[in-house]
Full PDB file with SEQRES, HELIX, SHEET, SSBOND, CRYST1, ORIGX, SCALE, CONECT and MASTER records, all heavy atoms in Angstrom:
SEQRES   1 A   32  ASP PRO ASP ALA ALA LEU ALA GLU LEU ALA ARG VAL GLY          
SEQRES   2 A   32  ARG GLY TRP VAL VAL VAL SER VAL PRO LEU GLU PRO LEU          
SEQRES   3 A   32  TRP ARG VAL GLY ASN VAL                                      
HELIX    1 AA1 PRO A    2  VAL A   12  1                                  11    
HELIX    2 AA2 LEU A   26  ASN A   31  1                                   6    
CRYST1    1.000    1.000    1.000  90.00  90.00  90.00 P 1           1          
ORIGX1      1.000000  0.000000  0.000000        0.00000                         
ORIGX2      0.000000  1.000000  0.000000        0.00000                         
ORIGX3      0.000000  0.000000  1.000000        0.00000                         
SCALE1      1.000000  0.000000  0.000000        0.00000                         
SCALE2      0.000000  1.000000  0.000000        0.00000                         
SCALE3      0.000000  0.000000  1.000000        0.00000                         
ATOM      1  N   ASP A   1       0.843  -1.201   0.000  1.00  0.00           N  
ATOM      2  CA  ASP A   1       0.000   0.000   0.000  1.00  0.00           C  
ATOM      3  C   ASP A   1       0.879   1.253   0.000  1.00  0.00           C  
ATOM      4  O   ASP A   1       1.040   1.921   1.024  1.00  0.00           O  
ATOM      5  CB  ASP A   1      -0.919   0.000   1.228  1.00  0.00           C  
ATOM      6  CG  ASP A   1      -2.015   1.062   1.144  1.00  0.00           C  
ATOM      7  OD1 ASP A   1      -1.966   1.897   0.225  1.00  0.00           O  
ATOM      8  OD2 ASP A   1      -2.906   1.048   2.008  1.00  0.00           O  
ATOM      9  N   PRO A   2       1.468   1.593  -1.152  1.00  0.00           N  
ATOM     10  CA  PRO A   2       2.332   2.783  -1.199  1.00  0.00           C  
ATOM     11  C   PRO A   2       1.572   4.080  -0.946  1.00  0.00           C  
ATOM     12  O   PRO A   2       2.152   5.052  -0.471  1.00  0.00           O  
ATOM     13  CB  PRO A   2       2.918   2.741  -2.610  1.00  0.00           C  
ATOM     14  CG  PRO A   2       1.952   1.922  -3.408  1.00  0.00           C  
ATOM     15  CD  PRO A   2       1.403   0.907  -2.455  1.00  0.00           C  
ATOM     16  N   ASP A   3       0.276   4.107  -1.246  1.00  0.00           N  
ATOM     17  CA  ASP A   3      -0.523   5.301  -0.957  1.00  0.00           C  
ATOM     18  C   ASP A   3      -0.528   5.594   0.540  1.00  0.00           C  
ATOM     19  O   ASP A   3      -0.400   6.754   0.954  1.00  0.00           O  
ATOM     20  CB  ASP A   3      -1.959   5.111  -1.452  1.00  0.00           C  
ATOM     21  CG  ASP A   3      -2.211   5.803  -2.785  1.00  0.00           C  
ATOM     22  OD1 ASP A   3      -1.951   7.020  -2.870  1.00  0.00           O  
ATOM     23  OD2 ASP A   3      -2.641   5.138  -3.733  1.00  0.00           O  
ATOM     24  N   ALA A   4      -0.690   4.541   1.350  1.00  0.00           N  
ATOM     25  CA  ALA A   4      -0.700   4.736   2.798  1.00  0.00           C  
ATOM     26  C   ALA A   4       0.643   5.260   3.281  1.00  0.00           C  
ATOM     27  O   ALA A   4       0.699   6.135   4.163  1.00  0.00           O  
ATOM     28  CB  ALA A   4      -1.038   3.423   3.506  1.00  0.00           C  
ATOM     29  N   ALA A   5       1.736   4.749   2.716  1.00  0.00           N  
ATOM     30  CA  ALA A   5       3.063   5.221   3.108  1.00  0.00           C  
ATOM     31  C   ALA A   5       3.261   6.683   2.714  1.00  0.00           C  
ATOM     32  O   ALA A   5       3.773   7.482   3.506  1.00  0.00           O  
ATOM     33  CB  ALA A   5       4.137   4.343   2.483  1.00  0.00           C  
ATOM     34  N   LEU A   6       2.861   7.049   1.515  1.00  0.00           N  
ATOM     35  CA  LEU A   6       3.011   8.435   1.080  1.00  0.00           C  
ATOM     36  C   LEU A   6       2.148   9.369   1.936  1.00  0.00           C  
ATOM     37  O   LEU A   6       2.557  10.498   2.234  1.00  0.00           O  
ATOM     38  CB  LEU A   6       2.647   8.569  -0.388  1.00  0.00           C  
ATOM     39  CG  LEU A   6       3.760   8.192  -1.361  1.00  0.00           C  
ATOM     40  CD1 LEU A   6       3.213   8.024  -2.767  1.00  0.00           C  
ATOM     41  CD2 LEU A   6       4.876   9.240  -1.360  1.00  0.00           C  
ATOM     42  N   ALA A   7       0.979   8.892   2.317  1.00  0.00           N  
ATOM     43  CA  ALA A   7       0.142   9.706   3.208  1.00  0.00           C  
ATOM     44  C   ALA A   7       0.854   9.946   4.535  1.00  0.00           C  
ATOM     45  O   ALA A   7       0.761  11.042   5.108  1.00  0.00           O  
ATOM     46  CB  ALA A   7      -1.199   9.013   3.432  1.00  0.00           C  
ATOM     47  N   GLU A   8       1.576   8.938   5.033  1.00  0.00           N  
ATOM     48  CA  GLU A   8       2.331   9.096   6.269  1.00  0.00           C  
ATOM     49  C   GLU A   8       3.504  10.060   6.084  1.00  0.00           C  
ATOM     50  O   GLU A   8       3.777  10.895   6.951  1.00  0.00           O  
ATOM     51  CB  GLU A   8       2.849   7.740   6.759  1.00  0.00           C  
ATOM     52  CG  GLU A   8       1.835   6.932   7.505  1.00  0.00           C  
ATOM     53  CD  GLU A   8       1.493   7.576   8.849  1.00  0.00           C  
ATOM     54  OE1 GLU A   8       0.581   8.434   8.877  1.00  0.00           O  
ATOM     55  OE2 GLU A   8       2.131   7.252   9.863  1.00  0.00           O  
ATOM     56  N   LEU A   9       4.205   9.945   4.957  1.00  0.00           N  
ATOM     57  CA  LEU A   9       5.303  10.877   4.693  1.00  0.00           C  
ATOM     58  C   LEU A   9       4.780  12.304   4.666  1.00  0.00           C  
ATOM     59  O   LEU A   9       5.411  13.228   5.200  1.00  0.00           O  
ATOM     60  CB  LEU A   9       5.982  10.549   3.369  1.00  0.00           C  
ATOM     61  CG  LEU A   9       6.556   9.146   3.159  1.00  0.00           C  
ATOM     62  CD1 LEU A   9       7.339   9.087   1.856  1.00  0.00           C  
ATOM     63  CD2 LEU A   9       7.431   8.711   4.321  1.00  0.00           C  
ATOM     64  N   ALA A  10       3.623  12.480   4.032  1.00  0.00           N  
ATOM     65  CA  ALA A  10       3.020  13.811   3.961  1.00  0.00           C  
ATOM     66  C   ALA A  10       2.567  14.279   5.344  1.00  0.00           C  
ATOM     67  O   ALA A  10       2.664  15.473   5.660  1.00  0.00           O  
ATOM     68  CB  ALA A  10       1.832  13.791   3.003  1.00  0.00           C  
ATOM     69  N   ARG A  11       2.095  13.359   6.156  1.00  0.00           N  
ATOM     70  CA  ARG A  11       1.606  13.731   7.498  1.00  0.00           C  
ATOM     71  C   ARG A  11       2.730  14.204   8.404  1.00  0.00           C  
ATOM     72  O   ARG A  11       2.604  15.219   9.101  1.00  0.00           O  
ATOM     73  CB  ARG A  11       0.902  12.530   8.146  1.00  0.00           C  
ATOM     74  CG  ARG A  11       0.396  12.818   9.560  1.00  0.00           C  
ATOM     75  CD  ARG A  11      -0.189  11.577  10.214  1.00  0.00           C  
ATOM     76  NE  ARG A  11       0.822  10.555  10.494  1.00  0.00           N  
ATOM     77  CZ  ARG A  11       1.643  10.563  11.535  1.00  0.00           C  
ATOM     78  NH1 ARG A  11       1.612  11.569  12.414  1.00  0.00           N  
ATOM     79  NH2 ARG A  11       2.515   9.579  11.725  1.00  0.00           N  
ATOM     80  N   VAL A  12       3.848  13.461   8.415  1.00  0.00           N  
ATOM     81  CA  VAL A  12       4.914  13.791   9.370  1.00  0.00           C  
ATOM     82  C   VAL A  12       5.809  14.914   8.866  1.00  0.00           C  
ATOM     83  O   VAL A  12       6.496  15.560   9.662  1.00  0.00           O  
ATOM     84  CB  VAL A  12       5.766  12.545   9.707  1.00  0.00           C  
ATOM     85  CG1 VAL A  12       4.884  11.423  10.221  1.00  0.00           C  
ATOM     86  CG2 VAL A  12       6.604  12.077   8.513  1.00  0.00           C  
ATOM     87  N   GLY A  13       5.816  15.166   7.560  1.00  0.00           N  
ATOM     88  CA  GLY A  13       6.709  16.182   7.006  1.00  0.00           C  
ATOM     89  C   GLY A  13       6.161  17.588   7.166  1.00  0.00           C  
ATOM     90  O   GLY A  13       4.955  17.821   7.123  1.00  0.00           O  
ATOM     91  N   ARG A  14       7.080  18.537   7.330  1.00  0.00           N  
ATOM     92  CA  ARG A  14       6.692  19.957   7.353  1.00  0.00           C  
ATOM     93  C   ARG A  14       7.512  20.745   6.346  1.00  0.00           C  
ATOM     94  O   ARG A  14       7.448  21.977   6.323  1.00  0.00           O  
ATOM     95  CB  ARG A  14       6.871  20.534   8.751  1.00  0.00           C  
ATOM     96  CG  ARG A  14       8.303  20.589   9.244  1.00  0.00           C  
ATOM     97  CD  ARG A  14       8.368  21.130  10.653  1.00  0.00           C  
ATOM     98  NE  ARG A  14       9.720  21.057  11.205  1.00  0.00           N  
ATOM     99  CZ  ARG A  14       9.985  20.974  12.496  1.00  0.00           C  
ATOM    100  NH1 ARG A  14       8.990  20.949  13.375  1.00  0.00           N  
ATOM    101  NH2 ARG A  14      11.224  20.911  12.922  1.00  0.00           N  
ATOM    102  N   GLY A  15       8.297  20.035   5.563  1.00  0.00           N  
ATOM    103  CA  GLY A  15       9.142  20.695   4.575  1.00  0.00           C  
ATOM    104  C   GLY A  15       9.270  19.849   3.327  1.00  0.00           C  
ATOM    105  O   GLY A  15       8.300  19.613   2.615  1.00  0.00           O  
ATOM    106  N   TRP A  16      10.464  19.338   3.086  1.00  0.00           N  
ATOM    107  CA  TRP A  16      10.757  18.614   1.853  1.00  0.00           C  
ATOM    108  C   TRP A  16      10.617  17.104   2.044  1.00  0.00           C  
ATOM    109  O   TRP A  16      10.896  16.572   3.112  1.00  0.00           O  
ATOM    110  CB  TRP A  16      12.167  18.933   1.391  1.00  0.00           C  
ATOM    111  CG  TRP A  16      12.351  20.362   0.992  1.00  0.00           C  
ATOM    112  CD1 TRP A  16      12.895  21.364   1.749  1.00  0.00           C  
ATOM    113  CD2 TRP A  16      11.960  20.969  -0.240  1.00  0.00           C  
ATOM    114  NE1 TRP A  16      12.878  22.550   1.063  1.00  0.00           N  
ATOM    115  CE2 TRP A  16      12.308  22.335  -0.162  1.00  0.00           C  
ATOM    116  CE3 TRP A  16      11.356  20.484  -1.397  1.00  0.00           C  
ATOM    117  CZ2 TRP A  16      12.073  23.225  -1.211  1.00  0.00           C  
ATOM    118  CZ3 TRP A  16      11.110  21.365  -2.449  1.00  0.00           C  
ATOM    119  CH2 TRP A  16      11.474  22.717  -2.354  1.00  0.00           C  
ATOM    120  N   VAL A  17      10.191  16.451   0.964  1.00  0.00           N  
ATOM    121  CA  VAL A  17      10.095  14.993   0.917  1.00  0.00           C  
ATOM    122  C   VAL A  17      10.767  14.540  -0.376  1.00  0.00           C  
ATOM    123  O   VAL A  17      10.436  15.037  -1.458  1.00  0.00           O  
ATOM    124  CB  VAL A  17       8.634  14.516   0.948  1.00  0.00           C  
ATOM    125  CG1 VAL A  17       8.566  12.992   0.879  1.00  0.00           C  
ATOM    126  CG2 VAL A  17       7.924  15.022   2.205  1.00  0.00           C  
ATOM    127  N   VAL A  18      11.722  13.602  -0.259  1.00  0.00           N  
ATOM    128  CA  VAL A  18      12.451  13.087  -1.422  1.00  0.00           C  
ATOM    129  C   VAL A  18      12.209  11.585  -1.501  1.00  0.00           C  
ATOM    130  O   VAL A  18      12.460  10.860  -0.530  1.00  0.00           O  
ATOM    131  CB  VAL A  18      13.964  13.388  -1.317  1.00  0.00           C  
ATOM    132  CG1 VAL A  18      14.706  12.828  -2.520  1.00  0.00           C  
ATOM    133  CG2 VAL A  18      14.199  14.894  -1.196  1.00  0.00           C  
ATOM    134  N   VAL A  19      11.713  11.133  -2.646  1.00  0.00           N  
ATOM    135  CA  VAL A  19      11.378   9.717  -2.814  1.00  0.00           C  
ATOM    136  C   VAL A  19      11.936   9.223  -4.149  1.00  0.00           C  
ATOM    137  O   VAL A  19      12.046   9.983  -5.111  1.00  0.00           O  
ATOM    138  CB  VAL A  19       9.858   9.480  -2.753  1.00  0.00           C  
ATOM    139  CG1 VAL A  19       9.324   9.716  -1.359  1.00  0.00           C  
ATOM    140  CG2 VAL A  19       9.120  10.373  -3.752  1.00  0.00           C  
ATOM    141  N   SER A  20      12.288   7.945  -4.186  1.00  0.00           N  
ATOM    142  CA  SER A  20      12.758   7.364  -5.444  1.00  0.00           C  
ATOM    143  C   SER A  20      12.251   5.939  -5.572  1.00  0.00           C  
ATOM    144  O   SER A  20      12.010   5.254  -4.571  1.00  0.00           O  
ATOM    145  CB  SER A  20      14.289   7.377  -5.523  1.00  0.00           C  
ATOM    146  OG  SER A  20      14.848   6.388  -4.676  1.00  0.00           O  
ATOM    147  N   VAL A  21      12.092   5.504  -6.827  1.00  0.00           N  
ATOM    148  CA  VAL A  21      11.701   4.131  -7.141  1.00  0.00           C  
ATOM    149  C   VAL A  21      12.395   3.720  -8.436  1.00  0.00           C  
ATOM    150  O   VAL A  21      12.835   4.567  -9.223  1.00  0.00           O  
ATOM    151  CB  VAL A  21      10.171   3.991  -7.321  1.00  0.00           C  
ATOM    152  CG1 VAL A  21       9.436   4.273  -6.031  1.00  0.00           C  
ATOM    153  CG2 VAL A  21       9.670   4.888  -8.450  1.00  0.00           C  
ATOM    154  N   PRO A  22      12.498   2.417  -8.704  1.00  0.00           N  
ATOM    155  CA  PRO A  22      13.012   1.975  -9.992  1.00  0.00           C  
ATOM    156  C   PRO A  22      12.091   2.432 -11.130  1.00  0.00           C  
ATOM    157  O   PRO A  22      10.865   2.454 -10.981  1.00  0.00           O  
ATOM    158  CB  PRO A  22      13.001   0.440  -9.878  1.00  0.00           C  
ATOM    159  CG  PRO A  22      13.036   0.171  -8.412  1.00  0.00           C  
ATOM    160  CD  PRO A  22      12.240   1.288  -7.789  1.00  0.00           C  
ATOM    161  N   LEU A  23      12.679   2.802 -12.250  1.00  0.00           N  
ATOM    162  CA  LEU A  23      11.923   3.206 -13.431  1.00  0.00           C  
ATOM    163  C   LEU A  23      11.566   1.957 -14.229  1.00  0.00           C  
ATOM    164  O   LEU A  23      12.452   1.235 -14.703  1.00  0.00           O  
ATOM    165  CB  LEU A  23      12.757   4.165 -14.281  1.00  0.00           C  
ATOM    166  CG  LEU A  23      12.144   4.576 -15.631  1.00  0.00           C  
ATOM    167  CD1 LEU A  23      10.830   5.317 -15.417  1.00  0.00           C  
ATOM    168  CD2 LEU A  23      13.128   5.441 -16.418  1.00  0.00           C  
ATOM    169  N   GLU A  24      10.280   1.705 -14.365  1.00  0.00           N  
ATOM    170  CA  GLU A  24       9.818   0.543 -15.117  1.00  0.00           C  
ATOM    171  C   GLU A  24       9.257   0.960 -16.477  1.00  0.00           C  
ATOM    172  O   GLU A  24       8.748   2.064 -16.620  1.00  0.00           O  
ATOM    173  CB  GLU A  24       8.748  -0.206 -14.317  1.00  0.00           C  
ATOM    174  CG  GLU A  24       9.246  -0.781 -13.001  1.00  0.00           C  
ATOM    175  CD  GLU A  24      10.181  -1.980 -13.160  1.00  0.00           C  
ATOM    176  OE1 GLU A  24      10.547  -2.312 -14.309  1.00  0.00           O  
ATOM    177  OE2 GLU A  24      10.542  -2.575 -12.141  1.00  0.00           O  
ATOM    178  N   PRO A  25       9.389   0.076 -17.486  1.00  0.00           N  
ATOM    179  CA  PRO A  25       9.934  -1.290 -17.418  1.00  0.00           C  
ATOM    180  C   PRO A  25      11.459  -1.373 -17.586  1.00  0.00           C  
ATOM    181  O   PRO A  25      12.006  -2.460 -17.663  1.00  0.00           O  
ATOM    182  CB  PRO A  25       9.244  -1.979 -18.590  1.00  0.00           C  
ATOM    183  CG  PRO A  25       9.112  -0.888 -19.611  1.00  0.00           C  
ATOM    184  CD  PRO A  25       8.817   0.367 -18.815  1.00  0.00           C  
ATOM    185  N   LEU A  26      12.127  -0.211 -17.597  1.00  0.00           N  
ATOM    186  CA  LEU A  26      13.567  -0.219 -17.846  1.00  0.00           C  
ATOM    187  C   LEU A  26      14.320  -1.037 -16.810  1.00  0.00           C  
ATOM    188  O   LEU A  26      15.294  -1.732 -17.126  1.00  0.00           O  
ATOM    189  CB  LEU A  26      14.093   1.221 -17.879  1.00  0.00           C  
ATOM    190  CG  LEU A  26      15.572   1.395 -18.249  1.00  0.00           C  
ATOM    191  CD1 LEU A  26      15.850   0.837 -19.632  1.00  0.00           C  
ATOM    192  CD2 LEU A  26      15.968   2.867 -18.179  1.00  0.00           C  
ATOM    193  N   TRP A  27      13.872  -0.984 -15.550  1.00  0.00           N  
ATOM    194  CA  TRP A  27      14.562  -1.717 -14.492  1.00  0.00           C  
ATOM    195  C   TRP A  27      14.579  -3.213 -14.790  1.00  0.00           C  
ATOM    196  O   TRP A  27      15.611  -3.867 -14.703  1.00  0.00           O  
ATOM    197  CB  TRP A  27      13.874  -1.435 -13.155  1.00  0.00           C  
ATOM    198  CG  TRP A  27      14.511  -2.109 -11.976  1.00  0.00           C  
ATOM    199  CD1 TRP A  27      14.228  -3.359 -11.494  1.00  0.00           C  
ATOM    200  CD2 TRP A  27      15.546  -1.579 -11.145  1.00  0.00           C  
ATOM    201  NE1 TRP A  27      15.005  -3.639 -10.402  1.00  0.00           N  
ATOM    202  CE2 TRP A  27      15.832  -2.551 -10.170  1.00  0.00           C  
ATOM    203  CE3 TRP A  27      16.246  -0.373 -11.125  1.00  0.00           C  
ATOM    204  CZ2 TRP A  27      16.781  -2.358  -9.180  1.00  0.00           C  
ATOM    205  CZ3 TRP A  27      17.190  -0.182 -10.138  1.00  0.00           C  
ATOM    206  CH2 TRP A  27      17.458  -1.162  -9.187  1.00  0.00           C  
ATOM    207  N   ARG A  28      13.409  -3.748 -15.144  1.00  0.00           N  
ATOM    208  CA  ARG A  28      13.331  -5.183 -15.405  1.00  0.00           C  
ATOM    209  C   ARG A  28      14.096  -5.565 -16.666  1.00  0.00           C  
ATOM    210  O   ARG A  28      14.719  -6.625 -16.728  1.00  0.00           O  
ATOM    211  CB  ARG A  28      11.868  -5.617 -15.497  1.00  0.00           C  
ATOM    212  CG  ARG A  28      11.204  -5.767 -14.131  1.00  0.00           C  
ATOM    213  CD  ARG A  28       9.730  -6.045 -14.247  1.00  0.00           C  
ATOM    214  NE  ARG A  28       9.017  -4.876 -14.744  1.00  0.00           N  
ATOM    215  CZ  ARG A  28       7.704  -4.861 -14.978  1.00  0.00           C  
ATOM    216  NH1 ARG A  28       6.973  -5.939 -14.761  1.00  0.00           N  
ATOM    217  NH2 ARG A  28       7.118  -3.757 -15.407  1.00  0.00           N  
ATOM    218  N   VAL A  29      14.055  -4.692 -17.669  1.00  0.00           N  
ATOM    219  CA  VAL A  29      14.833  -4.952 -18.890  1.00  0.00           C  
ATOM    220  C   VAL A  29      16.315  -5.048 -18.552  1.00  0.00           C  
ATOM    221  O   VAL A  29      17.027  -5.938 -19.033  1.00  0.00           O  
ATOM    222  CB  VAL A  29      14.579  -3.853 -19.941  1.00  0.00           C  
ATOM    223  CG1 VAL A  29      15.557  -3.987 -21.100  1.00  0.00           C  
ATOM    224  CG2 VAL A  29      13.143  -3.928 -20.453  1.00  0.00           C  
ATOM    225  N   GLY A  30      16.790  -4.137 -17.707  1.00  0.00           N  
ATOM    226  CA  GLY A  30      18.195  -4.170 -17.308  1.00  0.00           C  
ATOM    227  C   GLY A  30      18.552  -5.466 -16.595  1.00  0.00           C  
ATOM    228  O   GLY A  30      19.628  -6.031 -16.804  1.00  0.00           O  
ATOM    229  N   ASN A  31      17.660  -5.944 -15.747  1.00  0.00           N  
ATOM    230  CA  ASN A  31      17.911  -7.212 -15.068  1.00  0.00           C  
ATOM    231  C   ASN A  31      17.996  -8.368 -16.057  1.00  0.00           C  
ATOM    232  O   ASN A  31      18.848  -9.251 -15.931  1.00  0.00           O  
ATOM    233  CB  ASN A  31      16.809  -7.489 -14.035  1.00  0.00           C  
ATOM    234  CG  ASN A  31      17.026  -6.748 -12.724  1.00  0.00           C  
ATOM    235  OD1 ASN A  31      18.149  -6.374 -12.391  1.00  0.00           O  
ATOM    236  ND2 ASN A  31      15.955  -6.551 -11.978  1.00  0.00           N  
ATOM    237  N   VAL A  32      17.100  -8.378 -17.036  1.00  0.00           N  
ATOM    238  CA  VAL A  32      17.121  -9.457 -18.037  1.00  0.00           C  
ATOM    239  C   VAL A  32      18.415  -9.416 -18.827  1.00  0.00           C  
ATOM    240  O   VAL A  32      19.041 -10.452 -19.076  1.00  0.00           O  
ATOM    241  CB  VAL A  32      15.898  -9.344 -18.968  1.00  0.00           C  
ATOM    242  CG1 VAL A  32      16.045 -10.283 -20.166  1.00  0.00           C  
ATOM    243  CG2 VAL A  32      14.616  -9.657 -18.206  1.00  0.00           C  
TER     244      VAL A  32                                                      
MASTER        0    0    0    2    0    0    0    6  243    1    0    3          
END                                                                             
């Protein structure tokens, strides 16, 4: 449930939030 996690990040933050994830489908292509 990434929505719930992002809601928590938004709740506790009072300034900046920095998030990253693998870029798909490029990530899986690279693994193959």
